[in-house]
């Protein structure tokens, strides 16, 4: 019995990375809901982007990208928001 499996998604979502070489990529969870990640250079934070269902774009309320949401069982990199 492992408690880790049920908490893994939440732990990943709140994690911060200090490695400037770290590449953040979109990830899909077990429910096939799309989560997107991006790396913010100024404070070296890897942050979770939220999906705007209406518009089909990812947005974290601070930054947004023009990348449509097409992430079901796929992983690819987001362009860095500048």
PDB file of N, CA and C in Angstrom:
ATOM      1  N   UNK A   1       0.856  -1.208   0.000  1.00  0.00           N
ATOM      2  CA  UNK A   1       0.000   0.000   0.000  1.00  0.00           C
ATOM      3  C   UNK A   1       0.883   1.246   0.000  1.00  0.00           C
ATOM      4  N   UNK A   2       0.608   2.130  -0.916  1.00  0.00           N
ATOM      5  CA  UNK A   2       1.430   3.337  -1.024  1.00  0.00           C
ATOM      6  C   UNK A   2       0.546   4.568  -1.064  1.00  0.00           C
ATOM      7  N   UNK A   3       0.793   5.507  -0.175  1.00  0.00           N
ATOM      8  CA  UNK A   3       0.036   6.755  -0.189  1.00  0.00           C
ATOM      9  C   UNK A   3       0.458   7.641  -1.351  1.00  0.00           C
ATOM     10  N   UNK A   4       1.663   7.379  -1.864  1.00  0.00           N
ATOM     11  CA  UNK A   4       2.231   8.267  -2.862  1.00  0.00           C
ATOM     12  C   UNK A   4       1.393   8.346  -4.132  1.00  0.00           C
ATOM     13  N   UNK A   5       0.856   7.209  -4.569  1.00  0.00           N
ATOM     14  CA  UNK A   5       0.184   7.168  -5.866  1.00  0.00           C
ATOM     15  C   UNK A   5      -0.979   8.147  -5.948  1.00  0.00           C
ATOM     16  N   UNK A   6      -1.770   8.264  -4.892  1.00  0.00           N
ATOM     17  CA  UNK A   6      -2.938   9.142  -4.939  1.00  0.00           C
ATOM     18  C   UNK A   6      -2.568  10.618  -4.823  1.00  0.00           C
ATOM     19  N   UNK A   7      -1.378  10.911  -4.297  1.00  0.00           N
ATOM     20  CA  UNK A   7      -0.991  12.306  -4.093  1.00  0.00           C
ATOM     21  C   UNK A   7      -0.015  12.819  -5.140  1.00  0.00           C
ATOM     22  N   UNK A   8       0.413  11.956  -6.037  1.00  0.00           N
ATOM     23  CA  UNK A   8       1.496  12.309  -6.958  1.00  0.00           C
ATOM     24  C   UNK A   8       1.183  13.543  -7.799  1.00  0.00           C
ATOM     25  N   UNK A   9      -0.028  13.609  -8.348  1.00  0.00           N
ATOM     26  CA  UNK A   9      -0.375  14.721  -9.228  1.00  0.00           C
ATOM     27  C   UNK A   9      -0.293  16.048  -8.493  1.00  0.00           C
ATOM     28  N   UNK A  10      -0.827  16.110  -7.286  1.00  0.00           N
ATOM     29  CA  UNK A  10      -0.785  17.340  -6.508  1.00  0.00           C
ATOM     30  C   UNK A  10       0.622  17.756  -6.139  1.00  0.00           C
ATOM     31  N   UNK A  11       1.458  16.770  -5.839  1.00  0.00           N
ATOM     32  CA  UNK A  11       2.833  17.090  -5.473  1.00  0.00           C
ATOM     33  C   UNK A  11       3.583  17.674  -6.658  1.00  0.00           C
ATOM     34  N   UNK A  12       3.368  17.098  -7.826  1.00  0.00           N
ATOM     35  CA  UNK A  12       4.020  17.609  -9.026  1.00  0.00           C
ATOM     36  C   UNK A  12       3.560  19.035  -9.324  1.00  0.00           C
ATOM     37  N   UNK A  13       2.282  19.282  -9.132  1.00  0.00           N
ATOM     38  CA  UNK A  13       1.714  20.583  -9.483  1.00  0.00           C
ATOM     39  C   UNK A  13       2.260  21.720  -8.624  1.00  0.00           C
ATOM     40  N   UNK A  14       2.670  21.414  -7.418  1.00  0.00           N
ATOM     41  CA  UNK A  14       3.136  22.477  -6.530  1.00  0.00           C
ATOM     42  C   UNK A  14       4.658  22.559  -6.457  1.00  0.00           C
ATOM     43  N   UNK A  15       5.330  21.716  -7.205  1.00  0.00           N
ATOM     44  CA  UNK A  15       6.783  21.663  -7.131  1.00  0.00           C
ATOM     45  C   UNK A  15       7.410  22.815  -7.902  1.00  0.00           C
ATOM     46  N   UNK A  16       8.504  23.316  -7.399  1.00  0.00           N
ATOM     47  CA  UNK A  16       9.237  24.352  -8.118  1.00  0.00           C
ATOM     48  C   UNK A  16      10.625  23.839  -8.460  1.00  0.00           C
ATOM     49  N   UNK A  17      11.135  24.281  -9.595  1.00  0.00           N
ATOM     50  CA  UNK A  17      12.433  23.826 -10.066  1.00  0.00           C
ATOM     51  C   UNK A  17      13.374  25.010 -10.163  1.00  0.00           C
ATOM     52  N   UNK A  18      14.596  24.822  -9.707  1.00  0.00           N
ATOM     53  CA  UNK A  18      15.563  25.911  -9.742  1.00  0.00           C
ATOM     54  C   UNK A  18      16.567  25.748 -10.880  1.00  0.00           C
ATOM     55  N   UNK A  19      16.487  24.630 -11.611  1.00  0.00           N
ATOM     56  CA  UNK A  19      17.424  24.379 -12.698  1.00  0.00           C
ATOM     57  C   UNK A  19      16.967  25.115 -13.946  1.00  0.00           C
ATOM     58  N   UNK A  20      17.776  26.055 -14.402  1.00  0.00           N
ATOM     59  CA  UNK A  20      17.381  26.869 -15.551  1.00  0.00           C
ATOM     60  C   UNK A  20      17.319  26.054 -16.838  1.00  0.00           C
ATOM     61  N   UNK A  21      17.935  24.860 -16.838  1.00  0.00           N
ATOM     62  CA  UNK A  21      17.903  24.013 -18.024  1.00  0.00           C
ATOM     63  C   UNK A  21      16.652  23.143 -18.063  1.00  0.00           C
ATOM     64  N   UNK A  22      15.889  23.170 -16.981  1.00  0.00           N
ATOM     65  CA  UNK A  22      14.720  22.294 -16.915  1.00  0.00           C
ATOM     66  C   UNK A  22      13.679  22.699 -17.951  1.00  0.00           C
ATOM     67  N   UNK A  23      13.199  21.721 -18.685  1.00  0.00           N
ATOM     68  CA  UNK A  23      12.195  21.982 -19.703  1.00  0.00           C
ATOM     69  C   UNK A  23      10.841  21.518 -19.176  1.00  0.00           C
ATOM     70  N   UNK A  24       9.908  22.413 -19.131  1.00  0.00           N
ATOM     71  CA  UNK A  24       8.577  22.060 -18.666  1.00  0.00           C
ATOM     72  C   UNK A  24       7.735  21.654 -19.864  1.00  0.00           C
ATOM     73  N   UNK A  25       6.974  20.610 -19.703  1.00  0.00           N
ATOM     74  CA  UNK A  25       6.178  20.131 -20.822  1.00  0.00           C
ATOM     75  C   UNK A  25       4.747  19.877 -20.383  1.00  0.00           C
ATOM     76  N   UNK A  26       3.863  19.791 -21.347  1.00  0.00           N
ATOM     77  CA  UNK A  26       2.483  19.458 -21.044  1.00  0.00           C
ATOM     78  C   UNK A  26       2.416  18.028 -20.550  1.00  0.00           C
ATOM     79  N   UNK A  27       1.542  17.787 -19.627  1.00  0.00           N
ATOM     80  CA  UNK A  27       1.348  16.437 -19.127  1.00  0.00           C
ATOM     81  C   UNK A  27      -0.139  16.176 -19.005  1.00  0.00           C
ATOM     82  N   UNK A  28      -0.530  14.946 -19.249  1.00  0.00           N
ATOM     83  CA  UNK A  28      -1.924  14.581 -19.056  1.00  0.00           C
ATOM     84  C   UNK A  28      -2.017  13.631 -17.877  1.00  0.00           C
ATOM     85  N   UNK A  29      -2.981  13.864 -17.007  1.00  0.00           N
ATOM     86  CA  UNK A  29      -3.129  13.001 -15.846  1.00  0.00           C
ATOM     87  C   UNK A  29      -3.944  11.760 -16.205  1.00  0.00           C
ATOM     88  N   UNK A  30      -4.233  10.941 -15.210  1.00  0.00           N
ATOM     89  CA  UNK A  30      -4.907   9.667 -15.455  1.00  0.00           C
ATOM     90  C   UNK A  30      -6.328   9.859 -15.977  1.00  0.00           C
ATOM     91  N   UNK A  31      -6.910  11.020 -15.741  1.00  0.00           N
ATOM     92  CA  UNK A  31      -8.253  11.310 -16.235  1.00  0.00           C
ATOM     93  C   UNK A  31      -8.226  11.933 -17.618  1.00  0.00           C
ATOM     94  N   UNK A  32      -7.050  12.002 -18.218  1.00  0.00           N
ATOM     95  CA  UNK A  32      -6.864  12.581 -19.536  1.00  0.00           C
ATOM     96  C   UNK A  32      -7.266  14.047 -19.576  1.00  0.00           C
ATOM     97  N   UNK A  33      -7.175  14.705 -18.432  1.00  0.00           N
ATOM     98  CA  UNK A  33      -7.400  16.141 -18.415  1.00  0.00           C
ATOM     99  C   UNK A  33      -6.065  16.810 -18.672  1.00  0.00           C
ATOM    100  N   UNK A  34      -6.096  17.848 -19.467  1.00  0.00           N
ATOM    101  CA  UNK A  34      -4.838  18.432 -19.900  1.00  0.00           C
ATOM    102  C   UNK A  34      -4.311  19.431 -18.883  1.00  0.00           C
ATOM    103  N   UNK A  35      -3.070  19.237 -18.514  1.00  0.00           N
ATOM    104  CA  UNK A  35      -2.364  20.225 -17.701  1.00  0.00           C
ATOM    105  C   UNK A  35      -1.145  20.663 -18.491  1.00  0.00           C
ATOM    106  N   UNK A  36      -0.820  21.918 -18.409  1.00  0.00           N
ATOM    107  CA  UNK A  36       0.319  22.430 -19.165  1.00  0.00           C
ATOM    108  C   UNK A  36       1.273  23.123 -18.208  1.00  0.00           C
ATOM    109  N   UNK A  37       2.553  23.038 -18.534  1.00  0.00           N
ATOM    110  CA  UNK A  37       3.583  23.616 -17.686  1.00  0.00           C
ATOM    111  C   UNK A  37       4.404  24.595 -18.488  1.00  0.00           C
ATOM    112  N   UNK A  38       4.918  25.602 -17.824  1.00  0.00           N
ATOM    113  CA  UNK A  38       5.843  26.510 -18.485  1.00  0.00           C
ATOM    114  C   UNK A  38       6.894  26.953 -17.484  1.00  0.00           C
ATOM    115  N   UNK A  39       8.007  27.394 -18.002  1.00  0.00           N
ATOM    116  CA  UNK A  39       9.130  27.787 -17.155  1.00  0.00           C
ATOM    117  C   UNK A  39       9.299  29.287 -17.216  1.00  0.00           C
ATOM    118  N   UNK A  40       9.316  29.937 -16.050  1.00  0.00           N
ATOM    119  CA  UNK A  40       9.442  31.387 -15.992  1.00  0.00           C
ATOM    120  C   UNK A  40      10.855  31.738 -15.559  1.00  0.00           C
ATOM    121  N   UNK A  41      11.599  32.341 -16.457  1.00  0.00           N
ATOM    122  CA  UNK A  41      13.027  32.562 -16.249  1.00  0.00           C
ATOM    123  C   UNK A  41      13.328  33.474 -15.063  1.00  0.00           C
ATOM    124  N   UNK A  42      12.545  34.544 -14.887  1.00  0.00           N
ATOM    125  CA  UNK A  42      12.928  35.571 -13.918  1.00  0.00           C
ATOM    126  C   UNK A  42      12.973  35.073 -12.473  1.00  0.00           C
ATOM    127  N   UNK A  43      12.093  34.149 -12.106  1.00  0.00           N
ATOM    128  CA  UNK A  43      12.213  33.599 -10.752  1.00  0.00           C
ATOM    129  C   UNK A  43      12.412  32.091 -10.767  1.00  0.00           C
ATOM    130  N   UNK A  44      12.803  31.565 -11.934  1.00  0.00           N
ATOM    131  CA  UNK A  44      13.131  30.143 -12.073  1.00  0.00           C
ATOM    132  C   UNK A  44      12.025  29.247 -11.532  1.00  0.00           C
ATOM    133  N   UNK A  45      10.802  29.556 -11.901  1.00  0.00           N
ATOM    134  CA  UNK A  45       9.669  28.776 -11.427  1.00  0.00           C
ATOM    135  C   UNK A  45       9.045  28.001 -12.574  1.00  0.00           C
ATOM    136  N   UNK A  46       8.778  26.734 -12.295  1.00  0.00           N
ATOM    137  CA  UNK A  46       8.019  25.929 -13.245  1.00  0.00           C
ATOM    138  C   UNK A  46       6.572  25.957 -12.777  1.00  0.00           C
ATOM    139  N   UNK A  47       5.692  26.582 -13.564  1.00  0.00           N
ATOM    140  CA  UNK A  47       4.340  26.782 -13.057  1.00  0.00           C
ATOM    141  C   UNK A  47       3.296  26.075 -13.919  1.00  0.00           C
ATOM    142  N   UNK A  48       2.197  25.751 -13.282  1.00  0.00           N
ATOM    143  CA  UNK A  48       1.117  25.021 -13.940  1.00  0.00           C
ATOM    144  C   UNK A  48       0.173  25.999 -14.619  1.00  0.00           C
ATOM    145  N   UNK A  49      -0.092  25.758 -15.893  1.00  0.00           N
ATOM    146  CA  UNK A  49      -1.057  26.574 -16.629  1.00  0.00           C
ATOM    147  C   UNK A  49      -2.426  25.928 -16.535  1.00  0.00           C
ATOM    148  N   UNK A  50      -3.438  26.751 -16.402  1.00  0.00           N
ATOM    149  CA  UNK A  50      -4.802  26.240 -16.345  1.00  0.00           C
ATOM    150  C   UNK A  50      -5.407  26.252 -17.747  1.00  0.00           C
ATOM    151  N   UNK A  51      -6.350  25.384 -17.968  1.00  0.00           N
ATOM    152  CA  UNK A  51      -6.996  25.313 -19.271  1.00  0.00           C
ATOM    153  C   UNK A  51      -8.280  26.138 -19.255  1.00  0.00           C
ATOM    154  N   UNK A  52      -8.403  27.029 -20.227  1.00  0.00           N
ATOM    155  CA  UNK A  52      -9.652  27.767 -20.403  1.00  0.00           C
ATOM    156  C   UNK A  52     -10.534  26.967 -21.346  1.00  0.00           C
ATOM    157  N   UNK A  53     -11.565  26.340 -20.806  1.00  0.00           N
ATOM    158  CA  UNK A  53     -12.382  25.434 -21.603  1.00  0.00           C
ATOM    159  C   UNK A  53     -13.075  26.144 -22.755  1.00  0.00           C
ATOM    160  N   UNK A  54     -13.566  27.342 -22.504  1.00  0.00           N
ATOM    161  CA  UNK A  54     -14.311  28.074 -23.529  1.00  0.00           C
ATOM    162  C   UNK A  54     -13.455  28.398 -24.739  1.00  0.00           C
ATOM    163  N   UNK A  55     -12.245  28.880 -24.474  1.00  0.00           N
ATOM    164  CA  UNK A  55     -11.428  29.412 -25.544  1.00  0.00           C
ATOM    165  C   UNK A  55     -10.450  28.390 -26.102  1.00  0.00           C
ATOM    166  N   UNK A  56     -10.193  27.323 -25.354  1.00  0.00           N
ATOM    167  CA  UNK A  56      -9.290  26.302 -25.848  1.00  0.00           C
ATOM    168  C   UNK A  56      -7.832  26.692 -25.803  1.00  0.00           C
ATOM    169  N   UNK A  57      -7.484  27.640 -24.926  1.00  0.00           N
ATOM    170  CA  UNK A  57      -6.088  28.023 -24.757  1.00  0.00           C
ATOM    171  C   UNK A  57      -5.679  27.820 -23.305  1.00  0.00           C
ATOM    172  N   UNK A  58      -4.387  27.663 -23.096  1.00  0.00           N
ATOM    173  CA  UNK A  58      -3.911  27.517 -21.728  1.00  0.00           C
ATOM    174  C   UNK A  58      -3.560  28.879 -21.151  1.00  0.00           C
ATOM    175  N   UNK A  59      -3.813  29.030 -19.865  1.00  0.00           N
ATOM    176  CA  UNK A  59      -3.640  30.327 -19.222  1.00  0.00           C
ATOM    177  C   UNK A  59      -3.454  30.100 -17.726  1.00  0.00           C
ATOM    178  N   UNK A  60      -2.535  30.818 -17.124  1.00  0.00           N
ATOM    179  CA  UNK A  60      -2.351  30.677 -15.677  1.00  0.00           C
ATOM    180  C   UNK A  60      -2.734  31.952 -14.937  1.00  0.00           C
ATOM    181  N   UNK A  61      -3.486  32.840 -15.583  1.00  0.00           N
ATOM    182  CA  UNK A  61      -3.957  34.110 -15.034  1.00  0.00           C
ATOM    183  C   UNK A  61      -2.852  35.150 -14.930  1.00  0.00           C
ATOM    184  N   UNK A  62      -1.614  34.787 -15.230  1.00  0.00           N
ATOM    185  CA  UNK A  62      -0.535  35.763 -15.279  1.00  0.00           C
ATOM    186  C   UNK A  62       0.013  35.827 -16.702  1.00  0.00           C
ATOM    187  N   UNK A  63       0.098  34.657 -17.315  1.00  0.00           N
ATOM    188  CA  UNK A  63       0.593  34.580 -18.676  1.00  0.00           C
ATOM    189  C   UNK A  63      -0.373  33.716 -19.471  1.00  0.00           C
ATOM    190  N   UNK A  64      -0.414  33.898 -20.756  1.00  0.00           N
ATOM    191  CA  UNK A  64      -1.210  33.009 -21.586  1.00  0.00           C
ATOM    192  C   UNK A  64      -0.430  32.718 -22.859  1.00  0.00           C
ATOM    193  N   UNK A  65      -0.764  31.617 -23.510  1.00  0.00           N
ATOM    194  CA  UNK A  65      -0.118  31.281 -24.765  1.00  0.00           C
ATOM    195  C   UNK A  65      -1.188  31.144 -25.829  1.00  0.00           C
ATOM    196  N   UNK A  66      -0.792  31.216 -27.075  1.00  0.00           N
ATOM    197  CA  UNK A  66      -1.725  31.019 -28.172  1.00  0.00           C
ATOM    198  C   UNK A  66      -1.757  29.576 -28.620  1.00  0.00           C
ATOM    199  N   UNK A  67      -1.338  28.674 -27.744  1.00  0.00           N
ATOM    200  CA  UNK A  67      -1.285  27.266 -28.109  1.00  0.00           C
ATOM    201  C   UNK A  67      -2.625  26.611 -27.806  1.00  0.00           C
ATOM    202  N   UNK A  68      -3.297  26.049 -28.822  1.00  0.00           N
ATOM    203  CA  UNK A  68      -4.571  25.384 -28.575  1.00  0.00           C
ATOM    204  C   UNK A  68      -4.382  24.175 -27.666  1.00  0.00           C
ATOM    205  N   UNK A  69      -5.424  23.812 -26.965  1.00  0.00           N
ATOM    206  CA  UNK A  69      -5.367  22.659 -26.091  1.00  0.00           C
ATOM    207  C   UNK A  69      -5.605  21.411 -26.924  1.00  0.00           C
ATOM    208  N   UNK A  70      -4.566  20.613 -27.138  1.00  0.00           N
ATOM    209  CA  UNK A  70      -4.703  19.380 -27.900  1.00  0.00           C
ATOM    210  C   UNK A  70      -3.936  18.281 -27.211  1.00  0.00           C
ATOM    211  N   UNK A  71      -3.951  18.311 -25.906  1.00  0.00           N
ATOM    212  CA  UNK A  71      -3.065  17.422 -25.175  1.00  0.00           C
ATOM    213  C   UNK A  71      -3.862  16.302 -24.530  1.00  0.00           C
ATOM    214  N   UNK A  72      -4.104  15.258 -25.281  1.00  0.00           N
ATOM    215  CA  UNK A  72      -4.690  14.045 -24.724  1.00  0.00           C
ATOM    216  C   UNK A  72      -3.709  12.910 -24.996  1.00  0.00           C
ATOM    217  N   UNK A  73      -3.156  12.362 -23.929  1.00  0.00           N
ATOM    218  CA  UNK A  73      -2.142  11.315 -24.042  1.00  0.00           C
ATOM    219  C   UNK A  73      -0.970  11.727 -24.920  1.00  0.00           C
ATOM    220  N   UNK A  74      -0.610  13.003 -24.881  1.00  0.00           N
ATOM    221  CA  UNK A  74       0.543  13.469 -25.631  1.00  0.00           C
ATOM    222  C   UNK A  74       1.381  14.353 -24.733  1.00  0.00           C
ATOM    223  N   UNK A  75       2.659  14.440 -25.060  1.00  0.00           N
ATOM    224  CA  UNK A  75       3.540  15.350 -24.345  1.00  0.00           C
ATOM    225  C   UNK A  75       4.365  16.100 -25.364  1.00  0.00           C
ATOM    226  N   UNK A  76       4.368  17.397 -25.250  1.00  0.00           N
ATOM    227  CA  UNK A  76       5.272  18.194 -26.064  1.00  0.00           C
ATOM    228  C   UNK A  76       5.509  19.500 -25.349  1.00  0.00           C
ATOM    229  N   UNK A  77       6.505  20.237 -25.785  1.00  0.00           N
ATOM    230  CA  UNK A  77       6.940  21.381 -25.014  1.00  0.00           C
ATOM    231  C   UNK A  77       6.162  22.632 -25.371  1.00  0.00           C
ATOM    232  N   UNK A  78       5.948  23.454 -24.363  1.00  0.00           N
ATOM    233  CA  UNK A  78       5.338  24.761 -24.566  1.00  0.00           C
ATOM    234  C   UNK A  78       6.417  25.773 -24.905  1.00  0.00           C
ATOM    235  N   UNK A  79       6.069  26.724 -25.723  1.00  0.00           N
ATOM    236  CA  UNK A  79       6.992  27.830 -25.949  1.00  0.00           C
ATOM    237  C   UNK A  79       7.111  28.640 -24.665  1.00  0.00           C
ATOM    238  N   UNK A  80       8.279  29.148 -24.403  1.00  0.00           N
ATOM    239  CA  UNK A  80       8.464  29.959 -23.198  1.00  0.00           C
ATOM    240  C   UNK A  80       7.743  31.289 -23.362  1.00  0.00           C
ATOM    241  N   UNK A  81       7.021  31.690 -22.334  1.00  0.00           N
ATOM    242  CA  UNK A  81       6.308  32.959 -22.364  1.00  0.00           C
ATOM    243  C   UNK A  81       7.272  34.072 -21.971  1.00  0.00           C
ATOM    244  N   UNK A  82       7.356  35.075 -22.805  1.00  0.00           N
ATOM    245  CA  UNK A  82       8.277  36.166 -22.496  1.00  0.00           C
ATOM    246  C   UNK A  82       7.533  37.483 -22.405  1.00  0.00           C
TER     247      UNK A  82
END
